[in-house]
Amino acid sequence: MSKNYFTKQFYEEFTITSDFVKVVASNDELVLASCTVKAYDVESEEVSSSILYPSTLSVIDSKISGTKNALEIKIRGGAAEKSPYFITFYAATQNGEKWENDIKMTIAETGP
């Protein structure tokens, strides 16, 4: 899968990727309608609406295989006192397989 941790500043907004190419069969691909991403703070509270831009979730080509086996989503915000956050990608394929990948996000400092 992809890098499983990173640190960001409160102000920063950017896209993160979770690549499932190592677990998805070569003749299979992810199905966007069956995939989702959730975000949880250090207290295990779901905070997806304040950390993620859900409308930006997309299936993209894996940088390794070139097939549709990676997910990406734009992230934002966060508070140092609520980090680390865990961003969980839930992926499902055309063949009915389901996979999950967690990425740990730490906030270096909280903004205004």
PDB file of N, CA and C in Angstrom:
ATOM      1  N   MET A   1       0.847  -1.164   0.000  1.00  0.00           N
ATOM      2  CA  MET A   1       0.000   0.000   0.000  1.00  0.00           C
ATOM      3  C   MET A   1       0.903   1.241   0.000  1.00  0.00           C
ATOM      4  N   SER A   2       0.376   2.380   0.382  1.00  0.00           N
ATOM      5  CA  SER A   2       1.157   3.594   0.319  1.00  0.00           C
ATOM      6  C   SER A   2       1.724   3.961   1.685  1.00  0.00           C
ATOM      7  N   LYS A   3       2.414   5.090   1.748  1.00  0.00           N
ATOM      8  CA  LYS A   3       2.972   5.567   3.002  1.00  0.00           C
ATOM      9  C   LYS A   3       1.848   5.645   4.037  1.00  0.00           C
ATOM     10  N   ASN A   4       2.092   5.125   5.221  1.00  0.00           N
ATOM     11  CA  ASN A   4       1.017   4.999   6.202  1.00  0.00           C
ATOM     12  C   ASN A   4       1.028   6.054   7.293  1.00  0.00           C
ATOM     13  N   TYR A   5       1.809   7.119   7.151  1.00  0.00           N
ATOM     14  CA  TYR A   5       1.793   8.201   8.129  1.00  0.00           C
ATOM     15  C   TYR A   5       2.362   9.470   7.502  1.00  0.00           C
ATOM     16  N   PHE A   6       1.936  10.612   8.026  1.00  0.00           N
ATOM     17  CA  PHE A   6       2.510  11.888   7.608  1.00  0.00           C
ATOM     18  C   PHE A   6       2.132  12.956   8.633  1.00  0.00           C
ATOM     19  N   THR A   7       2.829  14.071   8.577  1.00  0.00           N
ATOM     20  CA  THR A   7       2.553  15.219   9.441  1.00  0.00           C
ATOM     21  C   THR A   7       2.206  16.394   8.556  1.00  0.00           C
ATOM     22  N   LYS A   8       1.221  17.178   8.981  1.00  0.00           N
ATOM     23  CA  LYS A   8       0.835  18.370   8.234  1.00  0.00           C
ATOM     24  C   LYS A   8       0.558  19.520   9.182  1.00  0.00           C
ATOM     25  N   GLN A   9       0.525  20.722   8.658  1.00  0.00           N
ATOM     26  CA  GLN A   9       0.114  21.913   9.397  1.00  0.00           C
ATOM     27  C   GLN A   9      -1.401  22.060   9.256  1.00  0.00           C
ATOM     28  N   PHE A  10      -2.016  22.751  10.197  1.00  0.00           N
ATOM     29  CA  PHE A  10      -3.465  22.962  10.184  1.00  0.00           C
ATOM     30  C   PHE A  10      -3.936  23.550   8.850  1.00  0.00           C
ATOM     31  N   TYR A  11      -3.247  24.553   8.339  1.00  0.00           N
ATOM     32  CA  TYR A  11      -3.659  25.289   7.150  1.00  0.00           C
ATOM     33  C   TYR A  11      -3.602  24.468   5.867  1.00  0.00           C
ATOM     34  N   GLU A  12      -2.750  23.483   5.826  1.00  0.00           N
ATOM     35  CA  GLU A  12      -2.497  22.745   4.591  1.00  0.00           C
ATOM     36  C   GLU A  12      -3.693  21.906   4.140  1.00  0.00           C
ATOM     37  N   GLU A  13      -3.919  21.898   2.851  1.00  0.00           N
ATOM     38  CA  GLU A  13      -4.934  21.065   2.206  1.00  0.00           C
ATOM     39  C   GLU A  13      -4.278  20.427   0.993  1.00  0.00           C
ATOM     40  N   PHE A  14      -4.384  19.095   0.890  1.00  0.00           N
ATOM     41  CA  PHE A  14      -3.781  18.396  -0.242  1.00  0.00           C
ATOM     42  C   PHE A  14      -4.408  17.012  -0.377  1.00  0.00           C
ATOM     43  N   THR A  15      -4.081  16.348  -1.470  1.00  0.00           N
ATOM     44  CA  THR A  15      -4.624  15.029  -1.777  1.00  0.00           C
ATOM     45  C   THR A  15      -3.697  13.945  -1.239  1.00  0.00           C
ATOM     46  N   ILE A  16      -4.302  12.916  -0.634  1.00  0.00           N
ATOM     47  CA  ILE A  16      -3.532  11.741  -0.212  1.00  0.00           C
ATOM     48  C   ILE A  16      -4.048  10.526  -0.976  1.00  0.00           C
ATOM     49  N   THR A  17      -3.192   9.534  -1.107  1.00  0.00           N
ATOM     50  CA  THR A  17      -3.505   8.350  -1.913  1.00  0.00           C
ATOM     51  C   THR A  17      -3.273   7.086  -1.117  1.00  0.00           C
ATOM     52  N   SER A  18      -4.137   6.110  -1.334  1.00  0.00           N
ATOM     53  CA  SER A  18      -3.951   4.762  -0.798  1.00  0.00           C
ATOM     54  C   SER A  18      -3.971   3.795  -1.971  1.00  0.00           C
ATOM     55  N   ASP A  19      -2.853   3.137  -2.191  1.00  0.00           N
ATOM     56  CA  ASP A  19      -2.691   2.240  -3.341  1.00  0.00           C
ATOM     57  C   ASP A  19      -2.902   0.793  -2.897  1.00  0.00           C
ATOM     58  N   PHE A  20      -3.861   0.115  -3.497  1.00  0.00           N
ATOM     59  CA  PHE A  20      -4.204  -1.261  -3.146  1.00  0.00           C
ATOM     60  C   PHE A  20      -3.663  -2.279  -4.148  1.00  0.00           C
ATOM     61  N   VAL A  21      -2.731  -1.881  -4.991  1.00  0.00           N
ATOM     62  CA  VAL A  21      -2.243  -2.739  -6.069  1.00  0.00           C
ATOM     63  C   VAL A  21      -1.634  -4.045  -5.556  1.00  0.00           C
ATOM     64  N   LYS A  22      -1.045  -4.039  -4.373  1.00  0.00           N
ATOM     65  CA  LYS A  22      -0.393  -5.257  -3.859  1.00  0.00           C
ATOM     66  C   LYS A  22      -1.384  -6.308  -3.373  1.00  0.00           C
ATOM     67  N   VAL A  23      -2.658  -5.920  -3.190  1.00  0.00           N
ATOM     68  CA  VAL A  23      -3.650  -6.885  -2.699  1.00  0.00           C
ATOM     69  C   VAL A  23      -4.767  -7.176  -3.696  1.00  0.00           C
ATOM     70  N   VAL A  24      -4.967  -6.298  -4.663  1.00  0.00           N
ATOM     71  CA  VAL A  24      -6.030  -6.485  -5.652  1.00  0.00           C
ATOM     72  C   VAL A  24      -5.491  -7.324  -6.814  1.00  0.00           C
ATOM     73  N   ALA A  25      -6.266  -8.315  -7.222  1.00  0.00           N
ATOM     74  CA  ALA A  25      -5.862  -9.192  -8.327  1.00  0.00           C
ATOM     75  C   ALA A  25      -5.615  -8.374  -9.593  1.00  0.00           C
ATOM     76  N   SER A  26      -4.713  -8.846 -10.421  1.00  0.00           N
ATOM     77  CA  SER A  26      -4.337  -8.111 -11.635  1.00  0.00           C
ATOM     78  C   SER A  26      -5.487  -7.950 -12.624  1.00  0.00           C
ATOM     79  N   ASN A  27      -6.498  -8.811 -12.535  1.00  0.00           N
ATOM     80  CA  ASN A  27      -7.651  -8.713 -13.443  1.00  0.00           C
ATOM     81  C   ASN A  27      -8.848  -8.033 -12.782  1.00  0.00           C
ATOM     82  N   ASP A  28      -8.609  -7.319 -11.692  1.00  0.00           N
ATOM     83  CA  ASP A  28      -9.682  -6.689 -10.920  1.00  0.00           C
ATOM     84  C   ASP A  28      -9.388  -5.198 -10.770  1.00  0.00           C
ATOM     85  N   GLU A  29     -10.421  -4.411 -10.482  1.00  0.00           N
ATOM     86  CA  GLU A  29     -10.263  -2.976 -10.267  1.00  0.00           C
ATOM     87  C   GLU A  29     -11.203  -2.513  -9.170  1.00  0.00           C
ATOM     88  N   LEU A  30     -10.889  -1.360  -8.551  1.00  0.00           N
ATOM     89  CA  LEU A  30     -11.753  -0.777  -7.537  1.00  0.00           C
ATOM     90  C   LEU A  30     -12.996  -0.168  -8.183  1.00  0.00           C
ATOM     91  N   VAL A  31     -14.097  -0.177  -7.441  1.00  0.00           N
ATOM     92  CA  VAL A  31     -15.366   0.401  -7.898  1.00  0.00           C
ATOM     93  C   VAL A  31     -15.686   1.575  -6.983  1.00  0.00           C
ATOM     94  N   LEU A  32     -15.655   2.793  -7.523  1.00  0.00           N
ATOM     95  CA  LEU A  32     -15.832   4.001  -6.722  1.00  0.00           C
ATOM     96  C   LEU A  32     -17.110   3.978  -5.884  1.00  0.00           C
ATOM     97  N   ALA A  33     -18.210   3.538  -6.453  1.00  0.00           N
ATOM     98  CA  ALA A  33     -19.497   3.536  -5.742  1.00  0.00           C
ATOM     99  C   ALA A  33     -19.474   2.660  -4.493  1.00  0.00           C
ATOM    100  N   SER A  34     -18.526   1.740  -4.412  1.00  0.00           N
ATOM    101  CA  SER A  34     -18.423   0.837  -3.269  1.00  0.00           C
ATOM    102  C   SER A  34     -17.264   1.183  -2.336  1.00  0.00           C
ATOM    103  N   CYS A  35     -16.599   2.282  -2.587  1.00  0.00           N
ATOM    104  CA  CYS A  35     -15.452   2.694  -1.773  1.00  0.00           C
ATOM    105  C   CYS A  35     -15.821   3.909  -0.927  1.00  0.00           C
ATOM    106  N   THR A  36     -15.179   4.035   0.221  1.00  0.00           N
ATOM    107  CA  THR A  36     -15.398   5.187   1.084  1.00  0.00           C
ATOM    108  C   THR A  36     -14.141   5.453   1.905  1.00  0.00           C
ATOM    109  N   VAL A  37     -14.100   6.629   2.528  1.00  0.00           N
ATOM    110  CA  VAL A  37     -12.998   6.993   3.408  1.00  0.00           C
ATOM    111  C   VAL A  37     -13.596   7.642   4.646  1.00  0.00           C
ATOM    112  N   LYS A  38     -13.083   7.289   5.811  1.00  0.00           N
ATOM    113  CA  LYS A  38     -13.526   7.855   7.086  1.00  0.00           C
ATOM    114  C   LYS A  38     -12.303   8.374   7.833  1.00  0.00           C
ATOM    115  N   ALA A  39     -12.508   9.389   8.679  1.00  0.00           N
ATOM    116  CA  ALA A  39     -11.429   9.927   9.511  1.00  0.00           C
ATOM    117  C   ALA A  39     -11.856   9.883  10.970  1.00  0.00           C
ATOM    118  N   TYR A  40     -10.896   9.492  11.832  1.00  0.00           N
ATOM    119  CA  TYR A  40     -11.144   9.376  13.272  1.00  0.00           C
ATOM    120  C   TYR A  40     -10.047  10.124  14.021  1.00  0.00           C
ATOM    121  N   ASP A  41     -10.423  10.824  15.108  1.00  0.00           N
ATOM    122  CA  ASP A  41      -9.414  11.517  15.905  1.00  0.00           C
ATOM    123  C   ASP A  41      -8.808  10.578  16.941  1.00  0.00           C
ATOM    124  N   VAL A  42      -7.936  11.103  17.778  1.00  0.00           N
ATOM    125  CA  VAL A  42      -7.218  10.298  18.758  1.00  0.00           C
ATOM    126  C   VAL A  42      -8.161   9.623  19.762  1.00  0.00           C
ATOM    127  N   GLU A  43      -9.365  10.172  19.923  1.00  0.00           N
ATOM    128  CA  GLU A  43     -10.361   9.610  20.837  1.00  0.00           C
ATOM    129  C   GLU A  43     -11.336   8.673  20.128  1.00  0.00           C
ATOM    130  N   SER A  44     -11.035   8.308  18.900  1.00  0.00           N
ATOM    131  CA  SER A  44     -11.847   7.409  18.061  1.00  0.00           C
ATOM    132  C   SER A  44     -13.196   8.000  17.668  1.00  0.00           C
ATOM    133  N   GLU A  45     -13.328   9.309  17.716  1.00  0.00           N
ATOM    134  CA  GLU A  45     -14.544   9.983  17.245  1.00  0.00           C
ATOM    135  C   GLU A  45     -14.432  10.177  15.744  1.00  0.00           C
ATOM    136  N   GLU A  46     -15.509   9.896  15.024  1.00  0.00           N
ATOM    137  CA  GLU A  46     -15.473  10.120  13.584  1.00  0.00           C
ATOM    138  C   GLU A  46     -15.508  11.617  13.302  1.00  0.00           C
ATOM    139  N   VAL A  47     -14.563  12.086  12.515  1.00  0.00           N
ATOM    140  CA  VAL A  47     -14.433  13.510  12.193  1.00  0.00           C
ATOM    141  C   VAL A  47     -14.291  13.722  10.681  1.00  0.00           C
ATOM    142  N   SER A  48     -14.860  12.823   9.916  1.00  0.00           N
ATOM    143  CA  SER A  48     -14.720  12.868   8.456  1.00  0.00           C
ATOM    144  C   SER A  48     -15.136  14.209   7.876  1.00  0.00           C
ATOM    145  N   SER A  49     -16.227  14.791   8.375  1.00  0.00           N
ATOM    146  CA  SER A  49     -16.745  16.022   7.780  1.00  0.00           C
ATOM    147  C   SER A  49     -15.819  17.217   7.990  1.00  0.00           C
ATOM    148  N   SER A  50     -14.942  17.173   8.997  1.00  0.00           N
ATOM    149  CA  SER A  50     -14.034  18.294   9.217  1.00  0.00           C
ATOM    150  C   SER A  50     -12.617  18.044   8.701  1.00  0.00           C
ATOM    151  N   ILE A  51     -12.313  16.813   8.302  1.00  0.00           N
ATOM    152  CA  ILE A  51     -10.967  16.465   7.844  1.00  0.00           C
ATOM    153  C   ILE A  51     -10.924  16.151   6.346  1.00  0.00           C
ATOM    154  N   LEU A  52     -12.009  15.614   5.808  1.00  0.00           N
ATOM    155  CA  LEU A  52     -12.034  15.147   4.420  1.00  0.00           C
ATOM    156  C   LEU A  52     -12.949  16.003   3.552  1.00  0.00           C
ATOM    157  N   TYR A  53     -12.649  16.054   2.262  1.00  0.00           N
ATOM    158  CA  TYR A  53     -13.557  16.589   1.258  1.00  0.00           C
ATOM    159  C   TYR A  53     -14.134  15.377   0.525  1.00  0.00           C
ATOM    160  N   PRO A  54     -15.284  14.845   0.993  1.00  0.00           N
ATOM    161  CA  PRO A  54     -15.816  13.596   0.432  1.00  0.00           C
ATOM    162  C   PRO A  54     -16.031  13.622  -1.078  1.00  0.00           C
ATOM    163  N   SER A  55     -16.388  14.762  -1.629  1.00  0.00           N
ATOM    164  CA  SER A  55     -16.663  14.834  -3.067  1.00  0.00           C
ATOM    165  C   SER A  55     -15.401  14.651  -3.911  1.00  0.00           C
ATOM    166  N   THR A  56     -14.232  14.685  -3.281  1.00  0.00           N
ATOM    167  CA  THR A  56     -12.986  14.528  -4.032  1.00  0.00           C
ATOM    168  C   THR A  56     -12.513  13.071  -4.088  1.00  0.00           C
ATOM    169  N   LEU A  57     -13.214  12.166  -3.418  1.00  0.00           N
ATOM    170  CA  LEU A  57     -12.814  10.760  -3.459  1.00  0.00           C
ATOM    171  C   LEU A  57     -12.888  10.252  -4.891  1.00  0.00           C
ATOM    172  N   SER A  58     -11.792   9.632  -5.335  1.00  0.00           N
ATOM    173  CA  SER A  58     -11.782   9.080  -6.690  1.00  0.00           C
ATOM    174  C   SER A  58     -10.891   7.850  -6.761  1.00  0.00           C
ATOM    175  N   VAL A  59     -11.187   7.018  -7.755  1.00  0.00           N
ATOM    176  CA  VAL A  59     -10.347   5.867  -8.077  1.00  0.00           C
ATOM    177  C   VAL A  59      -9.372   6.344  -9.141  1.00  0.00           C
ATOM    178  N   ILE A  60      -8.103   6.068  -8.914  1.00  0.00           N
ATOM    179  CA  ILE A  60      -7.072   6.502  -9.861  1.00  0.00           C
ATOM    180  C   ILE A  60      -6.180   5.327 -10.249  1.00  0.00           C
ATOM    181  N   ASP A  61      -5.380   5.543 -11.266  1.00  0.00           N
ATOM    182  CA  ASP A  61      -4.420   4.517 -11.685  1.00  0.00           C
ATOM    183  C   ASP A  61      -3.335   4.365 -10.630  1.00  0.00           C
ATOM    184  N   SER A  62      -3.020   3.134 -10.315  1.00  0.00           N
ATOM    185  CA  SER A  62      -1.902   2.842  -9.425  1.00  0.00           C
ATOM    186  C   SER A  62      -0.609   3.277 -10.105  1.00  0.00           C
ATOM    187  N   LYS A  63       0.294   3.904  -9.349  1.00  0.00           N
ATOM    188  CA  LYS A  63       1.585   4.303  -9.920  1.00  0.00           C
ATOM    189  C   LYS A  63       2.452   3.089 -10.206  1.00  0.00           C
ATOM    190  N   ILE A  64       2.128   1.968  -9.573  1.00  0.00           N
ATOM    191  CA  ILE A  64       2.920   0.748  -9.760  1.00  0.00           C
ATOM    192  C   ILE A  64       2.443  -0.037 -10.981  1.00  0.00           C
ATOM    193  N   SER A  65       1.114  -0.266 -11.067  1.00  0.00           N
ATOM    194  CA  SER A  65       0.601  -1.147 -12.117  1.00  0.00           C
ATOM    195  C   SER A  65      -0.076  -0.430 -13.275  1.00  0.00           C
ATOM    196  N   GLY A  66      -0.517   0.814 -13.053  1.00  0.00           N
ATOM    197  CA  GLY A  66      -1.245   1.530 -14.097  1.00  0.00           C
ATOM    198  C   GLY A  66      -2.712   1.144 -14.182  1.00  0.00           C
ATOM    199  N   THR A  67      -3.185   0.272 -13.272  1.00  0.00           N
ATOM    200  CA  THR A  67      -4.593  -0.124 -13.247  1.00  0.00           C
ATOM    201  C   THR A  67      -5.343   0.668 -12.185  1.00  0.00           C
ATOM    202  N   LYS A  68      -6.659   0.663 -12.237  1.00  0.00           N
ATOM    203  CA  LYS A  68      -7.510   1.438 -11.337  1.00  0.00           C
ATOM    204  C   LYS A  68      -7.569   0.789  -9.947  1.00  0.00           C
ATOM    205  N   ASN A  69      -6.450   0.822  -9.228  1.00  0.00           N
ATOM    206  CA  ASN A  69      -6.374   0.158  -7.936  1.00  0.00           C
ATOM    207  C   ASN A  69      -5.892   1.068  -6.810  1.00  0.00           C
ATOM    208  N   ALA A  70      -6.113   2.374  -6.949  1.00  0.00           N
ATOM    209  CA  ALA A  70      -5.741   3.318  -5.901  1.00  0.00           C
ATOM    210  C   ALA A  70      -6.896   4.282  -5.656  1.00  0.00           C
ATOM    211  N   LEU A  71      -6.986   4.760  -4.424  1.00  0.00           N
ATOM    212  CA  LEU A  71      -7.986   5.764  -4.052  1.00  0.00           C
ATOM    213  C   LEU A  71      -7.261   7.027  -3.636  1.00  0.00           C
ATOM    214  N   GLU A  72      -7.875   8.176  -3.931  1.00  0.00           N
ATOM    215  CA  GLU A  72      -7.321   9.432  -3.445  1.00  0.00           C
ATOM    216  C   GLU A  72      -8.445  10.315  -2.932  1.00  0.00           C
ATOM    217  N   ILE A  73      -8.105  11.189  -1.972  1.00  0.00           N
ATOM    218  CA  ILE A  73      -9.064  12.122  -1.396  1.00  0.00           C
ATOM    219  C   ILE A  73      -8.311  13.345  -0.889  1.00  0.00           C
ATOM    220  N   LYS A  74      -8.955  14.494  -0.939  1.00  0.00           N
ATOM    221  CA  LYS A  74      -8.342  15.725  -0.437  1.00  0.00           C
ATOM    222  C   LYS A  74      -8.642  15.854   1.052  1.00  0.00           C
ATOM    223  N   ILE A  75      -7.618  16.266   1.818  1.00  0.00           N
ATOM    224  CA  ILE A  75      -7.771  16.437   3.271  1.00  0.00           C
ATOM    225  C   ILE A  75      -7.570  17.897   3.648  1.00  0.00           C
ATOM    226  N   ARG A  76      -7.989  18.231   4.886  1.00  0.00           N
ATOM    227  CA  ARG A  76      -7.878  19.611   5.370  1.00  0.00           C
ATOM    228  C   ARG A  76      -7.851  19.634   6.889  1.00  0.00           C
ATOM    229  N   GLY A  77      -7.566  20.799   7.440  1.00  0.00           N
ATOM    230  CA  GLY A  77      -7.733  21.080   8.858  1.00  0.00           C
ATOM    231  C   GLY A  77      -7.040  20.153   9.828  1.00  0.00           C
ATOM    232  N   GLY A  78      -7.729  19.952  10.962  1.00  0.00           N
ATOM    233  CA  GLY A  78      -7.198  19.140  12.030  1.00  0.00           C
ATOM    234  C   GLY A  78      -6.735  20.008  13.187  1.00  0.00           C
ATOM    235  N   ALA A  79      -6.583  19.415  14.352  1.00  0.00           N
ATOM    236  CA  ALA A  79      -6.129  20.125  15.543  1.00  0.00           C
ATOM    237  C   ALA A  79      -5.057  19.286  16.226  1.00  0.00           C
ATOM    238  N   ALA A  80      -3.976  19.935  16.636  1.00  0.00           N
ATOM    239  CA  ALA A  80      -2.869  19.210  17.253  1.00  0.00           C
ATOM    240  C   ALA A  80      -3.332  18.405  18.456  1.00  0.00           C
ATOM    241  N   GLU A  81      -4.233  18.976  19.260  1.00  0.00           N
ATOM    242  CA  GLU A  81      -4.695  18.285  20.472  1.00  0.00           C
ATOM    243  C   GLU A  81      -5.605  17.091  20.171  1.00  0.00           C
ATOM    244  N   LYS A  82      -6.096  16.977  18.948  1.00  0.00           N
ATOM    245  CA  LYS A  82      -6.946  15.846  18.553  1.00  0.00           C
ATOM    246  C   LYS A  82      -6.187  14.821  17.722  1.00  0.00           C
ATOM    247  N   SER A  83      -4.909  15.083  17.466  1.00  0.00           N
ATOM    248  CA  SER A  83      -4.137  14.161  16.643  1.00  0.00           C
ATOM    249  C   SER A  83      -3.352  13.197  17.523  1.00  0.00           C
ATOM    250  N   PRO A  84      -2.972  12.064  16.992  1.00  0.00           N
ATOM    251  CA  PRO A  84      -3.027  11.758  15.569  1.00  0.00           C
ATOM    252  C   PRO A  84      -4.436  11.371  15.116  1.00  0.00           C
ATOM    253  N   TYR A  85      -4.691  11.622  13.854  1.00  0.00           N
ATOM    254  CA  TYR A  85      -5.919  11.197  13.200  1.00  0.00           C
ATOM    255  C   TYR A  85      -5.625   9.918  12.423  1.00  0.00           C
ATOM    256  N   PHE A  86      -6.640   9.113  12.254  1.00  0.00           N
ATOM    257  CA  PHE A  86      -6.507   7.908  11.444  1.00  0.00           C
ATOM    258  C   PHE A  86      -7.496   8.008  10.300  1.00  0.00           C
ATOM    259  N   ILE A  87      -6.992   8.000   9.099  1.00  0.00           N
ATOM    260  CA  ILE A  87      -7.814   8.089   7.895  1.00  0.00           C
ATOM    261  C   ILE A  87      -7.875   6.679   7.322  1.00  0.00           C
ATOM    262  N   THR A  88      -9.089   6.135   7.270  1.00  0.00           N
ATOM    263  CA  THR A  88      -9.275   4.750   6.841  1.00  0.00           C
ATOM    264  C   THR A  88      -9.926   4.709   5.467  1.00  0.00           C
ATOM    265  N   PHE A  89      -9.229   4.095   4.526  1.00  0.00           N
ATOM    266  CA  PHE A  89      -9.734   3.882   3.173  1.00  0.00           C
ATOM    267  C   PHE A  89     -10.389   2.506   3.119  1.00  0.00           C
ATOM    268  N   TYR A  90     -11.647   2.448   2.713  1.00  0.00           N
ATOM    269  CA  TYR A  90     -12.362   1.184   2.520  1.00  0.00           C
ATOM    270  C   TYR A  90     -12.536   0.998   1.016  1.00  0.00           C
ATOM    271  N   ALA A  91     -11.918  -0.039   0.483  1.00  0.00           N
ATOM    272  CA  ALA A  91     -11.927  -0.270  -0.964  1.00  0.00           C
ATOM    273  C   ALA A  91     -12.674  -1.562  -1.284  1.00  0.00           C
ATOM    274  N   ALA A  92     -13.424  -1.543  -2.371  1.00  0.00           N
ATOM    275  CA  ALA A  92     -14.132  -2.735  -2.853  1.00  0.00           C
ATOM    276  C   ALA A  92     -13.899  -2.854  -4.350  1.00  0.00           C
ATOM    277  N   THR A  93     -13.801  -4.100  -4.812  1.00  0.00           N
ATOM    278  CA  THR A  93     -13.469  -4.348  -6.212  1.00  0.00           C
ATOM    279  C   THR A  93     -14.656  -4.899  -7.003  1.00  0.00           C
ATOM    280  N   GLN A  94     -14.465  -4.940  -8.332  1.00  0.00           N
ATOM    281  CA  GLN A  94     -15.480  -5.511  -9.226  1.00  0.00           C
ATOM    282  C   GLN A  94     -15.772  -6.966  -8.883  1.00  0.00           C
ATOM    283  N   ASN A  95     -14.758  -7.698  -8.412  1.00  0.00           N
ATOM    284  CA  ASN A  95     -14.927  -9.120  -8.081  1.00  0.00           C
ATOM    285  C   ASN A  95     -15.432  -9.357  -6.668  1.00  0.00           C
ATOM    286  N   GLY A  96     -15.798  -8.283  -5.950  1.00  0.00           N
ATOM    287  CA  GLY A  96     -16.389  -8.418  -4.622  1.00  0.00           C
ATOM    288  C   GLY A  96     -15.404  -8.499  -3.472  1.00  0.00           C
ATOM    289  N   GLU A  97     -14.126  -8.296  -3.741  1.00  0.00           N
ATOM    290  CA  GLU A  97     -13.156  -8.274  -2.649  1.00  0.00           C
ATOM    291  C   GLU A  97     -13.223  -6.931  -1.938  1.00  0.00           C
ATOM    292  N   LYS A  98     -12.915  -6.931  -0.623  1.00  0.00           N
ATOM    293  CA  LYS A  98     -12.917  -5.702   0.163  1.00  0.00           C
ATOM    294  C   LYS A  98     -11.585  -5.588   0.896  1.00  0.00           C
ATOM    295  N   TRP A  99     -11.038  -4.368   0.886  1.00  0.00           N
ATOM    296  CA  TRP A  99      -9.746  -4.111   1.503  1.00  0.00           C
ATOM    297  C   TRP A  99      -9.824  -2.819   2.311  1.00  0.00           C
ATOM    298  N   GLU A 100      -8.923  -2.698   3.275  1.00  0.00           N
ATOM    299  CA  GLU A 100      -8.888  -1.530   4.146  1.00  0.00           C
ATOM    300  C   GLU A 100      -7.442  -1.107   4.369  1.00  0.00           C
ATOM    301  N   ASN A 101      -7.219   0.208   4.416  1.00  0.00           N
ATOM    302  CA  ASN A 101      -5.885   0.732   4.700  1.00  0.00           C
ATOM    303  C   ASN A 101      -6.015   1.967   5.580  1.00  0.00           C
ATOM    304  N   ASP A 102      -5.227   2.012   6.653  1.00  0.00           N
ATOM    305  CA  ASP A 102      -5.219   3.152   7.570  1.00  0.00           C
ATOM    306  C   ASP A 102      -3.984   3.999   7.348  1.00  0.00           C
ATOM    307  N   ILE A 103      -4.188   5.306   7.355  1.00  0.00           N
ATOM    308  CA  ILE A 103      -3.080   6.258   7.270  1.00  0.00           C
ATOM    309  C   ILE A 103      -3.172   7.164   8.497  1.00  0.00           C
ATOM    310  N   LYS A 104      -2.062   7.293   9.187  1.00  0.00           N
ATOM    311  CA  LYS A 104      -1.980   8.114  10.400  1.00  0.00           C
ATOM    312  C   LYS A 104      -1.551   9.526  10.024  1.00  0.00           C
ATOM    313  N   MET A 105      -2.323  10.533  10.482  1.00  0.00           N
ATOM    314  CA  MET A 105      -2.028  11.928  10.182  1.00  0.00           C
ATOM    315  C   MET A 105      -1.846  12.691  11.496  1.00  0.00           C
ATOM    316  N   THR A 106      -0.674  13.297  11.654  1.00  0.00           N
ATOM    317  CA  THR A 106      -0.387  14.111  12.833  1.00  0.00           C
ATOM    318  C   THR A 106      -0.424  15.575  12.435  1.00  0.00           C
ATOM    319  N   ILE A 107      -0.999  16.408  13.304  1.00  0.00           N
ATOM    320  CA  ILE A 107      -1.041  17.854  13.071  1.00  0.00           C
ATOM    321  C   ILE A 107       0.086  18.484  13.873  1.00  0.00           C
ATOM    322  N   ALA A 108       0.990  19.173  13.183  1.00  0.00           N
ATOM    323  CA  ALA A 108       2.164  19.758  13.835  1.00  0.00           C
ATOM    324  C   ALA A 108       1.784  20.925  14.752  1.00  0.00           C
ATOM    325  N   GLU A 109       0.844  21.742  14.305  1.00  0.00           N
ATOM    326  CA  GLU A 109       0.385  22.854  15.130  1.00  0.00           C
ATOM    327  C   GLU A 109      -1.013  23.241  14.674  1.00  0.00           C
ATOM    328  N   THR A 110      -1.790  23.774  15.603  1.00  0.00           N
ATOM    329  CA  THR A 110      -3.161  24.177  15.308  1.00  0.00           C
ATOM    330  C   THR A 110      -3.175  25.640  14.870  1.00  0.00           C
ATOM    331  N   GLY A 111      -3.965  25.921  13.854  1.00  0.00           N
ATOM    332  CA  GLY A 111      -4.064  27.281  13.325  1.00  0.00           C
ATOM    333  C   GLY A 111      -5.019  28.138  14.126  1.00  0.00           C
ATOM    334  N   PRO A 112      -5.403  29.260  13.541  1.00  0.00           N
ATOM    335  CA  PRO A 112      -6.276  30.236  14.231  1.00  0.00           C
ATOM    336  C   PRO A 112      -7.641  29.681  14.558  1.00  0.00           C
TER     337      PRO A 112
END
